[in-house]
PDB file of all heavy atoms in Angstrom:
ATOM      1  N   THR A   1      30.921 -41.922-132.533  1.00  0.00           N
ATOM      2  CA  THR A   1      30.902 -41.992-133.993  1.00  0.00           C
ATOM      3  C   THR A   1      32.236 -41.527-134.575  1.00  0.00           C
ATOM      4  O   THR A   1      32.769 -40.495-134.172  1.00  0.00           O
ATOM      5  CB  THR A   1      29.779 -41.157-134.580  1.00  0.00           C
ATOM      6  OG1 THR A   1      28.534 -41.582-134.036  1.00  0.00           O
ATOM      7  CG2 THR A   1      29.752 -41.292-136.097  1.00  0.00           C
ATOM      8  N   VAL A   2      32.754 -42.297-135.489  1.00  0.00           N
ATOM      9  CA  VAL A   2      33.938 -41.918-136.264  1.00  0.00           C
ATOM     10  C   VAL A   2      33.506 -41.685-137.691  1.00  0.00           C
ATOM     11  O   VAL A   2      32.904 -42.578-138.335  1.00  0.00           O
ATOM     12  CB  VAL A   2      35.022 -43.020-136.203  1.00  0.00           C
ATOM     13  CG1 VAL A   2      36.216 -42.611-137.055  1.00  0.00           C
ATOM     14  CG2 VAL A   2      35.438 -43.287-134.774  1.00  0.00           C
ATOM     15  N   ALA A   3      33.764 -40.454-138.191  1.00  0.00           N
ATOM     16  CA  ALA A   3      33.287 -40.097-139.534  1.00  0.00           C
ATOM     17  C   ALA A   3      34.467 -39.765-140.430  1.00  0.00           C
ATOM     18  O   ALA A   3      35.423 -39.103-139.997  1.00  0.00           O
ATOM     19  CB  ALA A   3      32.350 -38.913-139.470  1.00  0.00           C
ATOM     20  N   ALA A   4      34.378 -40.176-141.702  1.00  0.00           N
ATOM     21  CA  ALA A   4      35.405 -39.871-142.684  1.00  0.00           C
ATOM     22  C   ALA A   4      34.959 -38.676-143.513  1.00  0.00           C
ATOM     23  O   ALA A   4      33.793 -38.284-143.543  1.00  0.00           O
ATOM     24  CB  ALA A   4      35.599 -41.082-143.600  1.00  0.00           C
ATOM     25  N   ALA A   5      35.914 -38.066-144.206  1.00  0.00           N
ATOM     26  CA  ALA A   5      35.626 -36.877-145.029  1.00  0.00           C
ATOM     27  C   ALA A   5      34.639 -37.203-146.141  1.00  0.00           C
ATOM     28  O   ALA A   5      33.891 -36.354-146.608  1.00  0.00           O
ATOM     29  CB  ALA A   5      36.909 -36.336-145.617  1.00  0.00           C
ATOM     30  N   SER A   6      34.594 -38.466-146.551  1.00  0.00           N
ATOM     31  CA  SER A   6      33.702 -38.886-147.624  1.00  0.00           C
ATOM     32  C   SER A   6      32.233 -38.922-147.198  1.00  0.00           C
ATOM     33  O   SER A   6      31.327 -38.999-148.029  1.00  0.00           O
ATOM     34  CB  SER A   6      34.082 -40.281-148.108  1.00  0.00           C
ATOM     35  OG  SER A   6      33.913 -41.233-147.092  1.00  0.00           O
ATOM     36  N   GLY A   7      31.971 -38.866-145.871  1.00  0.00           N
ATOM     37  CA  GLY A   7      30.647 -38.990-145.351  1.00  0.00           C
ATOM     38  C   GLY A   7      30.357 -40.315-144.730  1.00  0.00           C
ATOM     39  O   GLY A   7      29.313 -40.507-144.053  1.00  0.00           O
ATOM     40  N   LEU A   8      31.210 -41.288-144.945  1.00  0.00           N
ATOM     41  CA  LEU A   8      31.054 -42.603-144.311  1.00  0.00           C
ATOM     42  C   LEU A   8      31.273 -42.485-142.797  1.00  0.00           C
ATOM     43  O   LEU A   8      32.177 -41.774-142.357  1.00  0.00           O
ATOM     44  CB  LEU A   8      32.025 -43.593-144.901  1.00  0.00           C
ATOM     45  CG  LEU A   8      32.015 -45.029-144.382  1.00  0.00           C
ATOM     46  CD1 LEU A   8      32.442 -45.990-145.513  1.00  0.00           C
ATOM     47  CD2 LEU A   8      32.917 -45.213-143.183  1.00  0.00           C
ATOM     48  N   SER A   9      30.449 -43.174-142.013  1.00  0.00           N
ATOM     49  CA  SER A   9      30.618 -43.119-140.566  1.00  0.00           C
ATOM     50  C   SER A   9      30.332 -44.472-139.934  1.00  0.00           C
ATOM     51  O   SER A   9      29.536 -45.261-140.462  1.00  0.00           O
ATOM     52  CB  SER A   9      29.706 -42.071-139.939  1.00  0.00           C
ATOM     53  OG  SER A   9      28.345 -42.432-140.097  1.00  0.00           O
ATOM     54  N   VAL A  10      31.003 -44.720-138.806  1.00  0.00           N
ATOM     55  CA  VAL A  10      30.777 -45.928-138.013  1.00  0.00           C
ATOM     56  C   VAL A  10      30.577 -45.511-136.558  1.00  0.00           C
ATOM     57  O   VAL A  10      31.286 -44.656-136.049  1.00  0.00           O
ATOM     58  CB  VAL A  10      31.998 -46.872-138.117  1.00  0.00           C
ATOM     59  CG1 VAL A  10      31.791 -48.107-137.232  1.00  0.00           C
ATOM     60  CG2 VAL A  10      32.235 -47.302-139.566  1.00  0.00           C
ATOM     61  N   ALA A  11      29.565 -46.092-135.928  1.00  0.00           N
ATOM     62  CA  ALA A  11      29.215 -45.696-134.553  1.00  0.00           C
ATOM     63  C   ALA A  11      29.078 -46.940-133.684  1.00  0.00           C
ATOM     64  O   ALA A  11      28.460 -47.935-134.118  1.00  0.00           O
ATOM     65  CB  ALA A  11      27.919 -44.894-134.512  1.00  0.00           C
ATOM     66  N   VAL A  12      29.618 -46.895-132.501  1.00  0.00           N
ATOM     67  CA  VAL A  12      29.421 -47.959-131.508  1.00  0.00           C
ATOM     68  C   VAL A  12      28.550 -47.361-130.402  1.00  0.00           C
ATOM     69  O   VAL A  12      28.665 -46.169-130.078  1.00  0.00           O
ATOM     70  CB  VAL A  12      30.748 -48.472-130.929  1.00  0.00           C
ATOM     71  CG1 VAL A  12      31.532 -49.177-131.974  1.00  0.00           C
ATOM     72  CG2 VAL A  12      31.566 -47.353-130.330  1.00  0.00           C
ATOM     73  N   GLY A  13      27.634 -48.150-129.838  1.00  0.00           N
ATOM     74  CA  GLY A  13      26.723 -47.620-128.876  1.00  0.00           C
ATOM     75  C   GLY A  13      26.333 -48.591-127.802  1.00  0.00           C
ATOM     76  O   GLY A  13      26.555 -49.831-127.923  1.00  0.00           O
ATOM     77  N   ILE A  14      25.688 -48.061-126.767  1.00  0.00           N
ATOM     78  CA  ILE A  14      25.146 -48.866-125.691  1.00  0.00           C
ATOM     79  C   ILE A  14      23.852 -48.190-125.226  1.00  0.00           C
ATOM     80  O   ILE A  14      23.801 -46.957-125.148  1.00  0.00           O
ATOM     81  CB  ILE A  14      26.125 -49.046-124.519  1.00  0.00           C
ATOM     82  CG1 ILE A  14      25.515 -49.917-123.419  1.00  0.00           C
ATOM     83  CG2 ILE A  14      26.561 -47.683-123.953  1.00  0.00           C
ATOM     84  CD1 ILE A  14      26.507 -50.296-122.346  1.00  0.00           C
ATOM     85  N   THR A  15      22.821 -48.981-124.982  1.00  0.00           N
ATOM     86  CA  THR A  15      21.528 -48.442-124.553  1.00  0.00           C
ATOM     87  C   THR A  15      20.979 -49.264-123.392  1.00  0.00           C
ATOM     88  O   THR A  15      21.047 -50.508-123.415  1.00  0.00           O
ATOM     89  CB  THR A  15      20.503 -48.504-125.726  1.00  0.00           C
ATOM     90  OG1 THR A  15      20.983 -47.773-126.830  1.00  0.00           O
ATOM     91  CG2 THR A  15      19.151 -47.931-125.269  1.00  0.00           C
ATOM     92  N   ASP A  16      20.497 -48.562-122.398  1.00  0.00           N
ATOM     93  CA  ASP A  16      19.771 -49.186-121.316  1.00  0.00           C
ATOM     94  C   ASP A  16      18.280 -48.929-121.538  1.00  0.00           C
ATOM     95  O   ASP A  16      17.794 -47.824-121.323  1.00  0.00           O
ATOM     96  CB  ASP A  16      20.221 -48.584-119.961  1.00  0.00           C
ATOM     97  CG  ASP A  16      19.365 -49.033-118.791  1.00  0.00           C
ATOM     98  OD1 ASP A  16      18.635 -50.023-118.941  1.00  0.00           O
ATOM     99  OD2 ASP A  16      19.454 -48.397-117.746  1.00  0.00           O
ATOM    100  N   TYR A  17      17.569 -49.940-122.041  1.00  0.00           N
ATOM    101  CA  TYR A  17      16.125 -49.853-122.201  1.00  0.00           C
ATOM    102  C   TYR A  17      15.476 -50.078-120.847  1.00  0.00           C
ATOM    103  O   TYR A  17      15.589 -51.150-120.279  1.00  0.00           O
ATOM    104  CB  TYR A  17      15.614 -50.888-123.203  1.00  0.00           C
ATOM    105  CG  TYR A  17      16.202 -50.754-124.583  1.00  0.00           C
ATOM    106  CD1 TYR A  17      17.143 -51.661-125.060  1.00  0.00           C
ATOM    107  CD2 TYR A  17      15.805 -49.723-125.419  1.00  0.00           C
ATOM    108  CE1 TYR A  17      17.659 -51.545-126.343  1.00  0.00           C
ATOM    109  CE2 TYR A  17      16.319 -49.599-126.712  1.00  0.00           C
ATOM    110  CZ  TYR A  17      17.245 -50.511-127.175  1.00  0.00           C
ATOM    111  OH  TYR A  17      17.767 -50.402-128.414  1.00  0.00           O
ATOM    112  N   TYR A  18      14.763 -49.069-120.359  1.00  0.00           N
ATOM    113  CA  TYR A  18      14.167 -49.136-119.034  1.00  0.00           C
ATOM    114  C   TYR A  18      12.632 -48.956-119.150  1.00  0.00           C
ATOM    115  O   TYR A  18      12.178 -47.954-119.692  1.00  0.00           O
ATOM    116  CB  TYR A  18      14.770 -48.052-118.139  1.00  0.00           C
ATOM    117  CG  TYR A  18      14.096 -47.874-116.802  1.00  0.00           C
ATOM    118  CD1 TYR A  18      13.764 -48.975-116.015  1.00  0.00           C
ATOM    119  CD2 TYR A  18      13.794 -46.604-116.299  1.00  0.00           C
ATOM    120  CE1 TYR A  18      13.159 -48.798-114.787  1.00  0.00           C
ATOM    121  CE2 TYR A  18      13.203 -46.404-115.084  1.00  0.00           C
ATOM    122  CZ  TYR A  18      12.881 -47.516-114.323  1.00  0.00           C
ATOM    123  OH  TYR A  18      12.255 -47.363-113.113  1.00  0.00           O
ATOM    124  N   PHE A  19      11.904 -49.934-118.689  1.00  0.00           N
ATOM    125  CA  PHE A  19      10.436 -49.897-118.719  1.00  0.00           C
ATOM    126  C   PHE A  19       9.935 -49.778-117.275  1.00  0.00           C
ATOM    127  O   PHE A  19       9.836 -50.770-116.571  1.00  0.00           O
ATOM    128  CB  PHE A  19       9.896 -51.160-119.384  1.00  0.00           C
ATOM    129  CG  PHE A  19      10.344 -51.328-120.811  1.00  0.00           C
ATOM    130  CD1 PHE A  19      11.506 -52.071-121.108  1.00  0.00           C
ATOM    131  CD2 PHE A  19       9.665 -50.733-121.860  1.00  0.00           C
ATOM    132  CE1 PHE A  19      11.933 -52.218-122.411  1.00  0.00           C
ATOM    133  CE2 PHE A  19      10.104 -50.851-123.152  1.00  0.00           C
ATOM    134  CZ  PHE A  19      11.230 -51.595-123.456  1.00  0.00           C
ATOM    135  N   PRO A  20       9.584 -48.541-116.866  1.00  0.00           N
ATOM    136  CA  PRO A  20       9.282 -48.307-115.453  1.00  0.00           C
ATOM    137  C   PRO A  20       7.831 -48.581-115.083  1.00  0.00           C
ATOM    138  O   PRO A  20       7.142 -47.802-114.428  1.00  0.00           O
ATOM    139  CB  PRO A  20       9.580 -46.797-115.309  1.00  0.00           C
ATOM    140  CG  PRO A  20       9.213 -46.216-116.637  1.00  0.00           C
ATOM    141  CD  PRO A  20       9.613 -47.298-117.642  1.00  0.00           C
ATOM    142  N   ALA A  21       7.327 -49.729-115.491  1.00  0.00           N
ATOM    143  CA  ALA A  21       5.956 -50.113-115.131  1.00  0.00           C
ATOM    144  C   ALA A  21       5.862 -50.350-113.633  1.00  0.00           C
ATOM    145  O   ALA A  21       6.847 -50.815-112.992  1.00  0.00           O
ATOM    146  CB  ALA A  21       5.556 -51.376-115.908  1.00  0.00           C
ATOM    147  N   PRO A  22       4.713 -50.060-113.008  1.00  0.00           N
ATOM    148  CA  PRO A  22       4.587 -50.226-111.549  1.00  0.00           C
ATOM    149  C   PRO A  22       4.891 -51.644-111.066  1.00  0.00           C
ATOM    150  O   PRO A  22       5.392 -51.824-109.945  1.00  0.00           O
ATOM    151  CB  PRO A  22       3.127 -49.855-111.296  1.00  0.00           C
ATOM    152  CG  PRO A  22       2.758 -48.945-112.427  1.00  0.00           C
ATOM    153  CD  PRO A  22       3.514 -49.490-113.594  1.00  0.00           C
ATOM    154  N   ASP A  23       4.575 -52.639-111.892  1.00  0.00           N
ATOM    155  CA  ASP A  23       4.790 -54.048-111.474  1.00  0.00           C
ATOM    156  C   ASP A  23       6.052 -54.637-112.027  1.00  0.00           C
ATOM    157  O   ASP A  23       6.278 -55.840-111.946  1.00  0.00           O
ATOM    158  CB  ASP A  23       3.600 -54.885-111.888  1.00  0.00           C
ATOM    159  CG  ASP A  23       3.367 -54.817-113.387  1.00  0.00           C
ATOM    160  OD1 ASP A  23       3.949 -53.985-114.067  1.00  0.00           O
ATOM    161  OD2 ASP A  23       2.559 -55.670-113.895  1.00  0.00           O
ATOM    162  N   ALA A  24       6.941 -53.806-112.646  1.00  0.00           N
ATOM    163  CA  ALA A  24       8.150 -54.317-113.239  1.00  0.00           C
ATOM    164  C   ALA A  24       9.122 -54.813-112.176  1.00  0.00           C
ATOM    165  O   ALA A  24       9.268 -54.189-111.100  1.00  0.00           O
ATOM    166  CB  ALA A  24       8.807 -53.249-114.095  1.00  0.00           C
ATOM    167  N   ARG A  25       9.851 -55.912-112.471  1.00  0.00           N
ATOM    168  CA  ARG A  25      10.846 -56.416-111.578  1.00  0.00           C
ATOM    169  C   ARG A  25      12.135 -55.590-111.711  1.00  0.00           C
ATOM    170  O   ARG A  25      12.607 -55.353-112.801  1.00  0.00           O
ATOM    171  CB  ARG A  25      11.162 -57.878-111.874  1.00  0.00           C
ATOM    172  CG  ARG A  25      12.216 -58.491-110.958  1.00  0.00           C
ATOM    173  CD  ARG A  25      12.271 -59.997-111.160  1.00  0.00           C
ATOM    174  NE  ARG A  25      12.654 -60.382-112.504  1.00  0.00           N
ATOM    175  CZ  ARG A  25      13.943 -60.465-112.898  1.00  0.00           C
ATOM    176  NH1 ARG A  25      14.939 -60.128-112.077  1.00  0.00           N
ATOM    177  NH2 ARG A  25      14.229 -60.838-114.145  1.00  0.00           N
ATOM    178  N   ALA A  26      12.684 -55.125-110.572  1.00  0.00           N
ATOM    179  CA  ALA A  26      13.862 -54.297-110.603  1.00  0.00           C
ATOM    180  C   ALA A  26      15.085 -55.085-111.128  1.00  0.00           C
ATOM    181  O   ALA A  26      15.109 -56.303-111.099  1.00  0.00           O
ATOM    182  CB  ALA A  26      14.179 -53.762-109.212  1.00  0.00           C
ATOM    183  N   GLY A  27      16.057 -54.330-111.626  1.00  0.00           N
ATOM    184  CA  GLY A  27      17.306 -54.950-112.052  1.00  0.00           C
ATOM    185  C   GLY A  27      17.359 -55.165-113.540  1.00  0.00           C
ATOM    186  O   GLY A  27      16.623 -54.606-114.304  1.00  0.00           O
ATOM    187  N   PHE A  28      18.326 -56.073-113.930  1.00  0.00           N
ATOM    188  CA  PHE A  28      18.598 -56.333-115.340  1.00  0.00           C
ATOM    189  C   PHE A  28      18.315 -57.799-115.637  1.00  0.00           C
ATOM    190  O   PHE A  28      18.229 -58.654-114.747  1.00  0.00           O
ATOM    191  CB  PHE A  28      20.078 -56.047-115.638  1.00  0.00           C
ATOM    192  CG  PHE A  28      20.445 -54.611-115.576  1.00  0.00           C
ATOM    193  CD1 PHE A  28      20.561 -53.934-114.386  1.00  0.00           C
ATOM    194  CD2 PHE A  28      20.673 -53.887-116.762  1.00  0.00           C
ATOM    195  CE1 PHE A  28      20.896 -52.608-114.317  1.00  0.00           C
ATOM    196  CE2 PHE A  28      21.024 -52.535-116.716  1.00  0.00           C
ATOM    197  CZ  PHE A  28      21.126 -51.904-115.507  1.00  0.00           C
ATOM    198  N   GLY A  29      18.173 -58.085-116.945  1.00  0.00           N
ATOM    199  CA  GLY A  29      18.000 -59.455-117.341  1.00  0.00           C
ATOM    200  C   GLY A  29      16.579 -59.733-117.840  1.00  0.00           C
ATOM    201  O   GLY A  29      15.712 -58.858-117.864  1.00  0.00           O
ATOM    202  N   ALA A  30      16.340 -60.973-118.252  1.00  0.00           N
ATOM    203  CA  ALA A  30      15.065 -61.370-118.835  1.00  0.00           C
ATOM    204  C   ALA A  30      13.938 -61.116-117.816  1.00  0.00           C
ATOM    205  O   ALA A  30      14.000 -61.525-116.666  1.00  0.00           O
ATOM    206  CB  ALA A  30      15.084 -62.848-119.211  1.00  0.00           C
ATOM    207  N   GLY A  31      12.907 -60.405-118.254  1.00  0.00           N
ATOM    208  CA  GLY A  31      11.751 -60.137-117.429  1.00  0.00           C
ATOM    209  C   GLY A  31      11.934 -58.979-116.461  1.00  0.00           C
ATOM    210  O   GLY A  31      10.999 -58.629-115.735  1.00  0.00           O
ATOM    211  N   ALA A  32      13.122 -58.373-116.427  1.00  0.00           N
ATOM    212  CA  ALA A  32      13.376 -57.267-115.511  1.00  0.00           C
ATOM    213  C   ALA A  32      13.091 -55.932-116.210  1.00  0.00           C
ATOM    214  O   ALA A  32      12.853 -55.884-117.413  1.00  0.00           O
ATOM    215  CB  ALA A  32      14.823 -57.297-115.004  1.00  0.00           C
ATOM    216  N   ALA A  33      13.123 -54.826-115.433  1.00  0.00           N
ATOM    217  CA  ALA A  33      12.791 -53.516-115.950  1.00  0.00           C
ATOM    218  C   ALA A  33      13.861 -53.001-116.936  1.00  0.00           C
ATOM    219  O   ALA A  33      13.568 -52.201-117.810  1.00  0.00           O
ATOM    220  CB  ALA A  33      12.614 -52.528-114.821  1.00  0.00           C
ATOM    221  N   HIS A  34      15.117 -53.441-116.750  1.00  0.00           N
ATOM    222  CA  HIS A  34      16.207 -52.959-117.579  1.00  0.00           C
ATOM    223  C   HIS A  34      16.684 -54.030-118.560  1.00  0.00           C
ATOM    224  O   HIS A  34      16.844 -55.211-118.181  1.00  0.00           O
ATOM    225  CB  HIS A  34      17.405 -52.548-116.710  1.00  0.00           C
ATOM    226  CG  HIS A  34      17.137 -51.382-115.821  1.00  0.00           C
ATOM    227  ND1 HIS A  34      17.341 -50.075-116.203  1.00  0.00           N
ATOM    228  CD2 HIS A  34      16.629 -51.302-114.566  1.00  0.00           C
ATOM    229  CE1 HIS A  34      17.033 -49.253-115.231  1.00  0.00           C
ATOM    230  NE2 HIS A  34      16.594 -49.975-114.240  1.00  0.00           N
ATOM    231  N   THR A  35      16.912 -53.611-119.788  1.00  0.00           N
ATOM    232  CA  THR A  35      17.508 -54.476-120.813  1.00  0.00           C
ATOM    233  C   THR A  35      18.595 -53.708-121.523  1.00  0.00           C
ATOM    234  O   THR A  35      18.353 -52.595-122.031  1.00  0.00           O
ATOM    235  CB  THR A  35      16.458 -54.930-121.851  1.00  0.00           C
ATOM    236  OG1 THR A  35      15.430 -55.656-121.171  1.00  0.00           O
ATOM    237  CG2 THR A  35      17.099 -55.766-122.916  1.00  0.00           C
TER     238      THR A  35
END
């Protein structure tokens, strides 16, 4: 996050959404455990 004295801020981010269901397909991509 980059914040200005005025209170304005801009943030760049990255998230790994992981759904650890027992039958989830490992790896990344459509239908996989990681998005």
